[in-house]
Protein backbone atom coordinates (compact mmCIF):
# COMPACT_ATOMS: atom_id res chain seq x y z
CA UNK A 1 0.00 0.00 0.00
CA UNK A 2 1.25 3.43 -0.92
CA UNK A 3 1.07 5.96 1.91
CA UNK A 4 1.84 9.65 2.33
CA UNK A 5 5.32 8.67 3.54
CA UNK A 6 6.15 6.50 0.52
CA UNK A 7 8.90 8.03 -1.57
CA UNK A 8 7.87 8.85 -5.14
CA UNK A 9 10.52 6.50 -6.53
CA UNK A 10 9.24 3.70 -4.28
CA UNK A 11 5.71 4.14 -5.66
CA UNK A 12 7.11 3.87 -9.18
CA UNK A 13 8.98 0.70 -8.19
CA UNK A 14 5.91 -0.84 -6.54
CA UNK A 15 3.94 -0.56 -9.77
CA UNK A 16 4.95 1.20 -12.98
CA UNK A 17 1.29 2.11 -13.60
CA UNK A 18 1.68 4.74 -10.90
CA UNK A 19 3.67 6.75 -13.46
CA UNK A 20 0.42 7.31 -15.34
CA UNK A 21 -1.16 8.77 -12.20
CA UNK A 22 1.73 11.16 -11.67
CA UNK A 23 1.62 12.15 -15.34
CA UNK A 24 -2.14 12.80 -15.16
CA UNK A 25 -1.34 15.55 -12.64
CA UNK A 26 1.37 17.01 -14.86
CA UNK A 27 4.13 15.64 -12.64
CA UNK A 28 7.26 14.45 -14.43
CA UNK A 29 8.32 12.26 -11.51
CA UNK A 30 10.04 9.69 -13.67
CA UNK A 31 12.68 12.23 -14.66
CA UNK A 32 12.80 14.25 -11.43
CA UNK A 33 15.82 13.93 -9.14
CA UNK A 34 13.64 14.80 -6.13
CA UNK A 35 11.66 11.58 -6.70
CA UNK A 36 14.40 9.69 -4.87
CA UNK A 37 14.01 11.65 -1.64
CA UNK A 38 10.57 13.26 -1.80
CA UNK A 39 7.56 11.58 -0.19
CA UNK A 40 4.16 11.50 -1.86
CA UNK A 41 3.00 14.04 0.73
CA UNK A 42 5.89 16.40 -0.07
CA UNK A 43 5.35 16.03 -3.82
CA UNK A 44 1.65 16.82 -3.49
CA UNK A 45 2.39 19.87 -1.36
CA UNK A 46 4.97 21.12 -3.86
CA UNK A 47 2.56 20.73 -6.77
CA UNK A 48 -0.65 21.85 -5.01
CA UNK A 49 -2.30 18.44 -5.37
CA UNK A 50 -4.85 16.94 -2.99
CA UNK A 51 -2.97 14.24 -1.06
CA UNK A 52 -5.93 11.97 -0.32
CA UNK A 53 -7.05 12.02 -3.96
CA UNK A 54 -3.55 11.21 -5.17
CA UNK A 55 -3.13 8.34 -2.71
CA UNK A 56 -6.47 6.86 -3.76
CA UNK A 57 -5.52 6.99 -7.44
CA UNK A 58 -2.04 5.56 -6.82
CA UNK A 59 -3.40 2.65 -4.81
CA UNK A 60 -6.17 2.05 -7.36
CA UNK A 61 -3.51 1.85 -10.09
CA UNK A 62 -1.66 -0.80 -8.08
CA UNK A 63 -4.82 -2.83 -7.56
CA UNK A 64 -5.48 -3.23 -11.31
C-alpha atoms as a PDB file:
ATOM      1  CA  UNK A   1       0.000   0.000   0.000  1.00  0.00           C
ATOM      2  CA  UNK A   2       1.250   3.435  -0.920  1.00  0.00           C
ATOM      3  CA  UNK A   3       1.068   5.965   1.909  1.00  0.00           C
ATOM      4  CA  UNK A   4       1.845   9.652   2.332  1.00  0.00           C
ATOM      5  CA  UNK A   5       5.320   8.670   3.545  1.00  0.00           C
ATOM      6  CA  UNK A   6       6.146   6.498   0.520  1.00  0.00           C
ATOM      7  CA  UNK A   7       8.902   8.031  -1.571  1.00  0.00           C
ATOM      8  CA  UNK A   8       7.866   8.850  -5.138  1.00  0.00           C
ATOM      9  CA  UNK A   9      10.521   6.502  -6.533  1.00  0.00           C
ATOM     10  CA  UNK A  10       9.240   3.704  -4.276  1.00  0.00           C
ATOM     11  CA  UNK A  11       5.713   4.145  -5.658  1.00  0.00           C
ATOM     12  CA  UNK A  12       7.107   3.873  -9.179  1.00  0.00           C
ATOM     13  CA  UNK A  13       8.975   0.704  -8.189  1.00  0.00           C
ATOM     14  CA  UNK A  14       5.906  -0.845  -6.541  1.00  0.00           C
ATOM     15  CA  UNK A  15       3.942  -0.562  -9.771  1.00  0.00           C
ATOM     16  CA  UNK A  16       4.950   1.202 -12.981  1.00  0.00           C
ATOM     17  CA  UNK A  17       1.290   2.113 -13.604  1.00  0.00           C
ATOM     18  CA  UNK A  18       1.677   4.744 -10.896  1.00  0.00           C
ATOM     19  CA  UNK A  19       3.667   6.749 -13.457  1.00  0.00           C
ATOM     20  CA  UNK A  20       0.415   7.310 -15.337  1.00  0.00           C
ATOM     21  CA  UNK A  21      -1.156   8.770 -12.204  1.00  0.00           C
ATOM     22  CA  UNK A  22       1.730  11.159 -11.668  1.00  0.00           C
ATOM     23  CA  UNK A  23       1.620  12.150 -15.342  1.00  0.00           C
ATOM     24  CA  UNK A  24      -2.138  12.800 -15.163  1.00  0.00           C
ATOM     25  CA  UNK A  25      -1.338  15.553 -12.640  1.00  0.00           C
ATOM     26  CA  UNK A  26       1.370  17.007 -14.856  1.00  0.00           C
ATOM     27  CA  UNK A  27       4.131  15.644 -12.642  1.00  0.00           C
ATOM     28  CA  UNK A  28       7.260  14.450 -14.430  1.00  0.00           C
ATOM     29  CA  UNK A  29       8.318  12.255 -11.511  1.00  0.00           C
ATOM     30  CA  UNK A  30      10.038   9.687 -13.671  1.00  0.00           C
ATOM     31  CA  UNK A  31      12.679  12.227 -14.659  1.00  0.00           C
ATOM     32  CA  UNK A  32      12.798  14.252 -11.431  1.00  0.00           C
ATOM     33  CA  UNK A  33      15.816  13.925  -9.141  1.00  0.00           C
ATOM     34  CA  UNK A  34      13.636  14.798  -6.132  1.00  0.00           C
ATOM     35  CA  UNK A  35      11.661  11.576  -6.697  1.00  0.00           C
ATOM     36  CA  UNK A  36      14.400   9.687  -4.874  1.00  0.00           C
ATOM     37  CA  UNK A  37      14.005  11.651  -1.638  1.00  0.00           C
ATOM     38  CA  UNK A  38      10.572  13.261  -1.801  1.00  0.00           C
ATOM     39  CA  UNK A  39       7.564  11.583  -0.185  1.00  0.00           C
ATOM     40  CA  UNK A  40       4.159  11.502  -1.858  1.00  0.00           C
ATOM     41  CA  UNK A  41       3.003  14.042   0.734  1.00  0.00           C
ATOM     42  CA  UNK A  42       5.886  16.403  -0.073  1.00  0.00           C
ATOM     43  CA  UNK A  43       5.354  16.025  -3.821  1.00  0.00           C
ATOM     44  CA  UNK A  44       1.649  16.818  -3.491  1.00  0.00           C
ATOM     45  CA  UNK A  45       2.391  19.872  -1.358  1.00  0.00           C
ATOM     46  CA  UNK A  46       4.975  21.118  -3.862  1.00  0.00           C
ATOM     47  CA  UNK A  47       2.557  20.731  -6.771  1.00  0.00           C
ATOM     48  CA  UNK A  48      -0.648  21.854  -5.012  1.00  0.00           C
ATOM     49  CA  UNK A  49      -2.297  18.437  -5.371  1.00  0.00           C
ATOM     50  CA  UNK A  50      -4.853  16.941  -2.988  1.00  0.00           C
ATOM     51  CA  UNK A  51      -2.969  14.241  -1.064  1.00  0.00           C
ATOM     52  CA  UNK A  52      -5.935  11.971  -0.323  1.00  0.00           C
ATOM     53  CA  UNK A  53      -7.047  12.018  -3.960  1.00  0.00           C
ATOM     54  CA  UNK A  54      -3.546  11.213  -5.171  1.00  0.00           C
ATOM     55  CA  UNK A  55      -3.131   8.338  -2.707  1.00  0.00           C
ATOM     56  CA  UNK A  56      -6.469   6.856  -3.756  1.00  0.00           C
ATOM     57  CA  UNK A  57      -5.520   6.989  -7.440  1.00  0.00           C
ATOM     58  CA  UNK A  58      -2.042   5.555  -6.820  1.00  0.00           C
ATOM     59  CA  UNK A  59      -3.401   2.646  -4.805  1.00  0.00           C
ATOM     60  CA  UNK A  60      -6.166   2.051  -7.362  1.00  0.00           C
ATOM     61  CA  UNK A  61      -3.513   1.852 -10.093  1.00  0.00           C
ATOM     62  CA  UNK A  62      -1.656  -0.795  -8.078  1.00  0.00           C
ATOM     63  CA  UNK A  63      -4.820  -2.825  -7.557  1.00  0.00           C
ATOM     64  CA  UNK A  64      -5.482  -3.233 -11.308  1.00  0.00           C
END
